[in-house]
PDB file of all heavy atoms in Angstrom:
ATOM      1  N   MET A   1      -2.050   0.210  -4.280  1.00  0.00           N
ATOM      2  CA  MET A   1      -1.965  -0.016  -5.725  1.00  0.00           C
ATOM      3  C   MET A   1      -0.953   1.027  -6.306  1.00  0.00           C
ATOM      4  O   MET A   1      -1.175   2.192  -6.201  1.00  0.00           O
ATOM      5  CB  MET A   1      -3.297   0.184  -6.445  1.00  0.00           C
ATOM      6  CG  MET A   1      -3.199  -0.027  -7.944  1.00  0.00           C
ATOM      7  SD  MET A   1      -2.811  -1.771  -8.388  1.00  0.00           S
ATOM      8  CE  MET A   1      -4.396  -2.573  -8.132  1.00  0.00           C
ATOM      9  N   VAL A   2       0.145   0.548  -6.848  1.00  0.00           N
ATOM     10  CA  VAL A   2       1.147   1.480  -7.441  1.00  0.00           C
ATOM     11  C   VAL A   2       0.908   1.499  -8.977  1.00  0.00           C
ATOM     12  O   VAL A   2       0.814   0.475  -9.600  1.00  0.00           O
ATOM     13  CB  VAL A   2       2.578   0.919  -7.179  1.00  0.00           C
ATOM     14  CG1 VAL A   2       3.583   1.789  -7.918  1.00  0.00           C
ATOM     15  CG2 VAL A   2       2.868   0.976  -5.716  1.00  0.00           C
ATOM     16  N   ILE A   3       0.683   2.741  -9.429  1.00  0.00           N
ATOM     17  CA  ILE A   3       0.371   2.960 -10.848  1.00  0.00           C
ATOM     18  C   ILE A   3       1.603   3.560 -11.513  1.00  0.00           C
ATOM     19  O   ILE A   3       2.072   4.594 -11.116  1.00  0.00           O
ATOM     20  CB  ILE A   3      -0.810   3.905 -11.012  1.00  0.00           C
ATOM     21  CG1 ILE A   3      -2.003   3.391 -10.171  1.00  0.00           C
ATOM     22  CG2 ILE A   3      -1.260   4.080 -12.464  1.00  0.00           C
ATOM     23  CD1 ILE A   3      -2.902   4.513  -9.692  1.00  0.00           C
ATOM     24  N   TYR A   4       2.142   2.822 -12.510  1.00  0.00           N
ATOM     25  CA  TYR A   4       3.357   3.283 -13.107  1.00  0.00           C
ATOM     26  C   TYR A   4       3.290   3.206 -14.655  1.00  0.00           C
ATOM     27  O   TYR A   4       3.017   2.191 -15.212  1.00  0.00           O
ATOM     28  CB  TYR A   4       4.553   2.392 -12.628  1.00  0.00           C
ATOM     29  CG  TYR A   4       5.916   2.817 -13.230  1.00  0.00           C
ATOM     30  CD1 TYR A   4       6.433   4.035 -12.931  1.00  0.00           C
ATOM     31  CD2 TYR A   4       6.643   1.910 -14.029  1.00  0.00           C
ATOM     32  CE1 TYR A   4       7.661   4.426 -13.416  1.00  0.00           C
ATOM     33  CE2 TYR A   4       7.865   2.303 -14.546  1.00  0.00           C
ATOM     34  CZ  TYR A   4       8.374   3.583 -14.208  1.00  0.00           C
ATOM     35  OH  TYR A   4       9.611   3.939 -14.727  1.00  0.00           O
ATOM     36  N   THR A   5       3.557   4.341 -15.285  1.00  0.00           N
ATOM     37  CA  THR A   5       3.592   4.434 -16.740  1.00  0.00           C
ATOM     38  C   THR A   5       5.051   4.432 -17.197  1.00  0.00           C
ATOM     39  O   THR A   5       5.779   5.424 -16.935  1.00  0.00           O
ATOM     40  CB  THR A   5       2.890   5.700 -17.261  1.00  0.00           C
ATOM     41  OG1 THR A   5       1.534   5.673 -16.844  1.00  0.00           O
ATOM     42  CG2 THR A   5       2.910   5.773 -18.771  1.00  0.00           C
ATOM     43  N   GLY A   6       5.443   3.329 -17.815  1.00  0.00           N
ATOM     44  CA  GLY A   6       6.828   3.148 -18.206  1.00  0.00           C
ATOM     45  C   GLY A   6       7.199   1.753 -18.189  1.00  0.00           C
ATOM     46  O   GLY A   6       6.350   0.872 -18.111  1.00  0.00           O
ATOM     47  N   THR A   7       8.478   1.476 -18.268  1.00  0.00           N
ATOM     48  CA  THR A   7       8.937   0.062 -18.316  1.00  0.00           C
ATOM     49  C   THR A   7       9.669  -0.293 -17.031  1.00  0.00           C
ATOM     50  O   THR A   7      10.356   0.565 -16.446  1.00  0.00           O
ATOM     51  CB  THR A   7       9.912  -0.213 -19.452  1.00  0.00           C
ATOM     52  OG1 THR A   7      11.040   0.735 -19.357  1.00  0.00           O
ATOM     53  CG2 THR A   7       9.256   0.075 -20.796  1.00  0.00           C
ATOM     54  N   THR A   8       9.434  -1.460 -16.509  1.00  0.00           N
ATOM     55  CA  THR A   8      10.073  -1.961 -15.293  1.00  0.00           C
ATOM     56  C   THR A   8      10.173  -3.496 -15.375  1.00  0.00           C
ATOM     57  O   THR A   8       9.335  -4.189 -15.900  1.00  0.00           O
ATOM     58  CB  THR A   8       9.291  -1.587 -14.065  1.00  0.00           C
ATOM     59  OG1 THR A   8       9.914  -2.103 -12.883  1.00  0.00           O
ATOM     60  CG2 THR A   8       7.838  -2.033 -14.142  1.00  0.00           C
ATOM     61  N   ASP A   9      11.219  -4.053 -14.758  1.00  0.00           N
ATOM     62  CA  ASP A   9      11.399  -5.478 -14.652  1.00  0.00           C
ATOM     63  C   ASP A   9      10.807  -6.028 -13.375  1.00  0.00           C
ATOM     64  O   ASP A   9      10.931  -7.255 -13.108  1.00  0.00           O
ATOM     65  CB  ASP A   9      12.890  -5.830 -14.761  1.00  0.00           C
ATOM     66  CG  ASP A   9      13.497  -5.428 -16.077  1.00  0.00           C
ATOM     67  OD1 ASP A   9      12.800  -5.539 -17.117  1.00  0.00           O
ATOM     68  OD2 ASP A   9      14.723  -5.068 -16.152  1.00  0.00           O
ATOM     69  N   ALA A  10      10.233  -5.186 -12.586  1.00  0.00           N
ATOM     70  CA  ALA A  10       9.703  -5.621 -11.304  1.00  0.00           C
ATOM     71  C   ALA A  10       8.618  -6.718 -11.523  1.00  0.00           C
ATOM     72  O   ALA A  10       7.782  -6.586 -12.432  1.00  0.00           O
ATOM     73  CB  ALA A  10       9.099  -4.462 -10.572  1.00  0.00           C
ATOM     74  N   LYS A  11       8.682  -7.752 -10.652  1.00  0.00           N
ATOM     75  CA  LYS A  11       7.727  -8.868 -10.782  1.00  0.00           C
ATOM     76  C   LYS A  11       7.248  -9.291  -9.399  1.00  0.00           C
ATOM     77  O   LYS A  11       7.791  -8.825  -8.360  1.00  0.00           O
ATOM     78  CB  LYS A  11       8.388 -10.069 -11.464  1.00  0.00           C
ATOM     79  CG  LYS A  11       9.616 -10.603 -10.840  1.00  0.00           C
ATOM     80  CD  LYS A  11      10.263 -11.673 -11.674  1.00  0.00           C
ATOM     81  CE  LYS A  11      11.494 -12.323 -10.975  1.00  0.00           C
ATOM     82  NZ  LYS A  11      12.546 -11.296 -10.684  1.00  0.00           N
ATOM     83  N   LYS A  12       6.246 -10.154  -9.385  1.00  0.00           N
ATOM     84  CA  LYS A  12       5.658 -10.609  -8.135  1.00  0.00           C
ATOM     85  C   LYS A  12       6.775 -11.187  -7.203  1.00  0.00           C
ATOM     86  O   LYS A  12       7.650 -11.962  -7.653  1.00  0.00           O
ATOM     87  CB  LYS A  12       4.640 -11.701  -8.416  1.00  0.00           C
ATOM     88  CG  LYS A  12       3.934 -12.226  -7.153  1.00  0.00           C
ATOM     89  CD  LYS A  12       2.859 -13.242  -7.501  1.00  0.00           C
ATOM     90  CE  LYS A  12       2.224 -13.834  -6.259  1.00  0.00           C
ATOM     91  NZ  LYS A  12       1.156 -14.793  -6.596  1.00  0.00           N
ATOM     92  N   GLY A  13       6.761 -10.773  -5.947  1.00  0.00           N
ATOM     93  CA  GLY A  13       7.763 -11.244  -4.981  1.00  0.00           C
ATOM     94  C   GLY A  13       8.918 -10.343  -4.801  1.00  0.00           C
ATOM     95  O   GLY A  13       9.670 -10.428  -3.794  1.00  0.00           O
ATOM     96  N   ASP A  14       9.165  -9.430  -5.766  1.00  0.00           N
ATOM     97  CA  ASP A  14      10.248  -8.497  -5.689  1.00  0.00           C
ATOM     98  C   ASP A  14      10.076  -7.435  -4.570  1.00  0.00           C
ATOM     99  O   ASP A  14       8.894  -7.009  -4.280  1.00  0.00           O
ATOM    100  CB  ASP A  14      10.467  -7.716  -6.984  1.00  0.00           C
ATOM    101  CG  ASP A  14      11.130  -8.624  -8.020  1.00  0.00           C
ATOM    102  OD1 ASP A  14      11.634  -9.702  -7.665  1.00  0.00           O
ATOM    103  OD2 ASP A  14      11.136  -8.175  -9.212  1.00  0.00           O
ATOM    104  N   ILE A  15      11.124  -7.041  -3.905  1.00  0.00           N
ATOM    105  CA  ILE A  15      11.079  -5.915  -2.975  1.00  0.00           C
ATOM    106  C   ILE A  15      11.483  -4.674  -3.764  1.00  0.00           C
ATOM    107  O   ILE A  15      12.489  -4.629  -4.402  1.00  0.00           O
ATOM    108  CB  ILE A  15      12.036  -6.070  -1.810  1.00  0.00           C
ATOM    109  CG1 ILE A  15      11.829  -7.449  -1.123  1.00  0.00           C
ATOM    110  CG2 ILE A  15      11.864  -4.943  -0.820  1.00  0.00           C
ATOM    111  CD1 ILE A  15      10.431  -7.641  -0.557  1.00  0.00           C
ATOM    112  N   ILE A  16      10.615  -3.641  -3.713  1.00  0.00           N
ATOM    113  CA  ILE A  16      10.846  -2.403  -4.548  1.00  0.00           C
ATOM    114  C   ILE A  16      10.792  -1.140  -3.726  1.00  0.00           C
ATOM    115  O   ILE A  16      10.190  -1.148  -2.649  1.00  0.00           O
ATOM    116  CB  ILE A  16       9.859  -2.299  -5.699  1.00  0.00           C
ATOM    117  CG1 ILE A  16       8.386  -2.190  -5.186  1.00  0.00           C
ATOM    118  CG2 ILE A  16       9.994  -3.472  -6.697  1.00  0.00           C
ATOM    119  CD1 ILE A  16       7.359  -1.900  -6.266  1.00  0.00           C
ATOM    120  N   GLU A  17      11.435  -0.133  -4.214  1.00  0.00           N
ATOM    121  CA  GLU A  17      11.304   1.190  -3.645  1.00  0.00           C
ATOM    122  C   GLU A  17      10.533   2.018  -4.663  1.00  0.00           C
ATOM    123  O   GLU A  17      10.816   1.990  -5.866  1.00  0.00           O
ATOM    124  CB  GLU A  17      12.725   1.888  -3.425  1.00  0.00           C
ATOM    125  CG  GLU A  17      13.391   1.354  -2.177  1.00  0.00           C
ATOM    126  CD  GLU A  17      14.685   2.124  -1.874  1.00  0.00           C
ATOM    127  OE1 GLU A  17      15.392   2.408  -2.875  1.00  0.00           O
ATOM    128  OE2 GLU A  17      14.936   2.388  -0.715  1.00  0.00           O
ATOM    129  N   VAL A  18       9.618   2.842  -4.168  1.00  0.00           N
ATOM    130  CA  VAL A  18       8.725   3.651  -5.068  1.00  0.00           C
ATOM    131  C   VAL A  18       8.792   5.090  -4.625  1.00  0.00           C
ATOM    132  O   VAL A  18       8.573   5.392  -3.412  1.00  0.00           O
ATOM    133  CB  VAL A  18       7.291   3.125  -5.038  1.00  0.00           C
ATOM    134  CG1 VAL A  18       6.414   4.035  -5.897  1.00  0.00           C
ATOM    135  CG2 VAL A  18       7.216   1.695  -5.531  1.00  0.00           C
ATOM    136  N   TYR A  19       9.073   5.999  -5.563  1.00  0.00           N
ATOM    137  CA  TYR A  19       8.938   7.417  -5.365  1.00  0.00           C
ATOM    138  C   TYR A  19       7.795   7.880  -6.264  1.00  0.00           C
ATOM    139  O   TYR A  19       7.689   7.460  -7.418  1.00  0.00           O
ATOM    140  CB  TYR A  19      10.226   8.132  -5.733  1.00  0.00           C
ATOM    141  CG  TYR A  19      11.318   8.030  -4.743  1.00  0.00           C
ATOM    142  CD1 TYR A  19      12.255   6.985  -4.903  1.00  0.00           C
ATOM    143  CD2 TYR A  19      11.444   8.871  -3.640  1.00  0.00           C
ATOM    144  CE1 TYR A  19      13.366   6.844  -4.004  1.00  0.00           C
ATOM    145  CE2 TYR A  19      12.533   8.704  -2.791  1.00  0.00           C
ATOM    146  CZ  TYR A  19      13.446   7.716  -2.917  1.00  0.00           C
ATOM    147  OH  TYR A  19      14.452   7.534  -2.026  1.00  0.00           O
ATOM    148  N   GLY A  20       6.921   8.734  -5.722  1.00  0.00           N
ATOM    149  CA  GLY A  20       5.819   9.237  -6.527  1.00  0.00           C
ATOM    150  C   GLY A  20       4.896  10.137  -5.671  1.00  0.00           C
ATOM    151  O   GLY A  20       5.364  10.815  -4.805  1.00  0.00           O
ATOM    152  N   THR A  21       3.674  10.147  -6.105  1.00  0.00           N
ATOM    153  CA  THR A  21       2.685  10.978  -5.422  1.00  0.00           C
ATOM    154  C   THR A  21       1.447  10.146  -5.109  1.00  0.00           C
ATOM    155  O   THR A  21       1.174   9.178  -5.761  1.00  0.00           O
ATOM    156  CB  THR A  21       2.237  12.179  -6.266  1.00  0.00           C
ATOM    157  OG1 THR A  21       1.766  11.726  -7.539  1.00  0.00           O
ATOM    158  CG2 THR A  21       3.351  13.128  -6.524  1.00  0.00           C
ATOM    159  N   ILE A  22       0.720  10.539  -4.090  1.00  0.00           N
ATOM    160  CA  ILE A  22      -0.488   9.768  -3.662  1.00  0.00           C
ATOM    161  C   ILE A  22      -1.581  10.107  -4.660  1.00  0.00           C
ATOM    162  O   ILE A  22      -1.936  11.245  -4.916  1.00  0.00           O
ATOM    163  CB  ILE A  22      -0.876  10.206  -2.239  1.00  0.00           C
ATOM    164  CG1 ILE A  22       0.228   9.815  -1.241  1.00  0.00           C
ATOM    165  CG2 ILE A  22      -2.203   9.504  -1.852  1.00  0.00           C
ATOM    166  CD1 ILE A  22       0.038  10.333   0.162  1.00  0.00           C
ATOM    167  N   TYR A  23      -2.144   9.053  -5.209  1.00  0.00           N
ATOM    168  CA  TYR A  23      -3.203   9.149  -6.233  1.00  0.00           C
ATOM    169  C   TYR A  23      -4.522   9.454  -5.529  1.00  0.00           C
ATOM    170  O   TYR A  23      -5.369  10.207  -6.065  1.00  0.00           O
ATOM    171  CB  TYR A  23      -3.283   7.827  -6.958  1.00  0.00           C
ATOM    172  CG  TYR A  23      -4.429   7.705  -7.917  1.00  0.00           C
ATOM    173  CD1 TYR A  23      -4.384   8.142  -9.170  1.00  0.00           C
ATOM    174  CD2 TYR A  23      -5.640   7.011  -7.494  1.00  0.00           C
ATOM    175  CE1 TYR A  23      -5.436   8.038 -10.080  1.00  0.00           C
ATOM    176  CE2 TYR A  23      -6.707   6.870  -8.370  1.00  0.00           C
ATOM    177  CZ  TYR A  23      -6.570   7.346  -9.641  1.00  0.00           C
ATOM    178  OH  TYR A  23      -7.671   7.268 -10.513  1.00  0.00           O
ATOM    179  N   GLY A  24      -4.728   8.911  -4.328  1.00  0.00           N
ATOM    180  CA  GLY A  24      -6.033   9.000  -3.658  1.00  0.00           C
ATOM    181  C   GLY A  24      -6.634   7.581  -3.625  1.00  0.00           C
ATOM    182  O   GLY A  24      -5.905   6.590  -3.534  1.00  0.00           O
ATOM    183  N   THR A  25      -7.934   7.505  -3.708  1.00  0.00           N
ATOM    184  CA  THR A  25      -8.635   6.214  -3.670  1.00  0.00           C
ATOM    185  C   THR A  25      -8.577   5.566  -5.044  1.00  0.00           C
ATOM    186  O   THR A  25      -9.002   6.122  -5.992  1.00  0.00           O
ATOM    187  CB  THR A  25     -10.085   6.336  -3.224  1.00  0.00           C
ATOM    188  OG1 THR A  25     -10.150   6.962  -1.927  1.00  0.00           O
ATOM    189  CG2 THR A  25     -10.737   4.961  -3.179  1.00  0.00           C
ATOM    190  N   TYR A  26      -8.001   4.354  -5.061  1.00  0.00           N
ATOM    191  CA  TYR A  26      -7.996   3.608  -6.325  1.00  0.00           C
ATOM    192  C   TYR A  26      -9.060   2.494  -6.261  1.00  0.00           C
ATOM    193  O   TYR A  26      -9.104   1.711  -5.285  1.00  0.00           O
ATOM    194  CB  TYR A  26      -6.616   2.987  -6.616  1.00  0.00           C
ATOM    195  CG  TYR A  26      -6.567   2.275  -7.968  1.00  0.00           C
ATOM    196  CD1 TYR A  26      -6.291   2.963  -9.120  1.00  0.00           C
ATOM    197  CD2 TYR A  26      -6.798   0.967  -8.031  1.00  0.00           C
ATOM    198  CE1 TYR A  26      -6.286   2.366 -10.347  1.00  0.00           C
ATOM    199  CE2 TYR A  26      -6.785   0.279  -9.305  1.00  0.00           C
ATOM    200  CZ  TYR A  26      -6.502   0.999 -10.418  1.00  0.00           C
ATOM    201  OH  TYR A  26      -6.492   0.390 -11.620  1.00  0.00           O
ATOM    202  N   ALA A  27      -9.952   2.451  -7.255  1.00  0.00           N
ATOM    203  CA  ALA A  27     -11.053   1.440  -7.247  1.00  0.00           C
ATOM    204  C   ALA A  27     -10.940   0.588  -8.459  1.00  0.00           C
ATOM    205  O   ALA A  27     -10.652   1.075  -9.590  1.00  0.00           O
ATOM    206  CB  ALA A  27     -12.364   2.167  -7.178  1.00  0.00           C
ATOM    207  N   PHE A  28     -11.284  -0.684  -8.295  1.00  0.00           N
ATOM    208  CA  PHE A  28     -11.296  -1.611  -9.463  1.00  0.00           C
ATOM    209  C   PHE A  28     -12.250  -2.753  -9.093  1.00  0.00           C
ATOM    210  O   PHE A  28     -12.591  -3.028  -7.934  1.00  0.00           O
ATOM    211  CB  PHE A  28      -9.913  -2.141  -9.763  1.00  0.00           C
ATOM    212  CG  PHE A  28      -9.307  -2.962  -8.651  1.00  0.00           C
ATOM    213  CD1 PHE A  28      -9.380  -4.355  -8.631  1.00  0.00           C
ATOM    214  CD2 PHE A  28      -8.616  -2.361  -7.602  1.00  0.00           C
ATOM    215  CE1 PHE A  28      -8.813  -5.095  -7.632  1.00  0.00           C
ATOM    216  CE2 PHE A  28      -8.040  -3.069  -6.611  1.00  0.00           C
ATOM    217  CZ  PHE A  28      -8.146  -4.484  -6.632  1.00  0.00           C
ATOM    218  N   ASP A  29     -12.719  -3.515 -10.099  1.00  0.00           N
ATOM    219  CA  ASP A  29     -13.623  -4.647  -9.942  1.00  0.00           C
ATOM    220  C   ASP A  29     -12.817  -5.920  -9.968  1.00  0.00           C
ATOM    221  O   ASP A  29     -11.971  -6.113 -10.894  1.00  0.00           O
ATOM    222  CB  ASP A  29     -14.714  -4.712 -10.970  1.00  0.00           C
ATOM    223  CG  ASP A  29     -15.658  -3.499 -10.819  1.00  0.00           C
ATOM    224  OD1 ASP A  29     -15.797  -2.967  -9.708  1.00  0.00           O
ATOM    225  OD2 ASP A  29     -16.356  -3.143 -11.823  1.00  0.00           O
ATOM    226  N   ASP A  30     -13.063  -6.809  -9.042  1.00  0.00           N
ATOM    227  CA  ASP A  30     -12.344  -8.096  -9.034  1.00  0.00           C
ATOM    228  C   ASP A  30     -13.042  -9.072 -10.024  1.00  0.00           C
ATOM    229  O   ASP A  30     -14.011  -8.702 -10.693  1.00  0.00           O
ATOM    230  CB  ASP A  30     -12.249  -8.723  -7.624  1.00  0.00           C
ATOM    231  CG  ASP A  30     -13.561  -9.041  -7.026  1.00  0.00           C
ATOM    232  OD1 ASP A  30     -14.607  -9.059  -7.730  1.00  0.00           O
ATOM    233  OD2 ASP A  30     -13.587  -9.348  -5.823  1.00  0.00           O
ATOM    234  N   ALA A  31     -12.598 -10.298 -10.020  1.00  0.00           N
ATOM    235  CA  ALA A  31     -13.129 -11.283 -10.985  1.00  0.00           C
ATOM    236  C   ALA A  31     -14.600 -11.564 -10.744  1.00  0.00           C
ATOM    237  O   ALA A  31     -15.320 -11.982 -11.658  1.00  0.00           O
ATOM    238  CB  ALA A  31     -12.337 -12.561 -10.868  1.00  0.00           C
TER     239      ALA A  31
END
């Protein structure tokens, strides 16, 4: 899960490069 605060045109299917830091364990509830 990539967490980004800002604006980006990236959409599903795009190939992206990401620079950042490891957040750790990301947890969320599905539907």
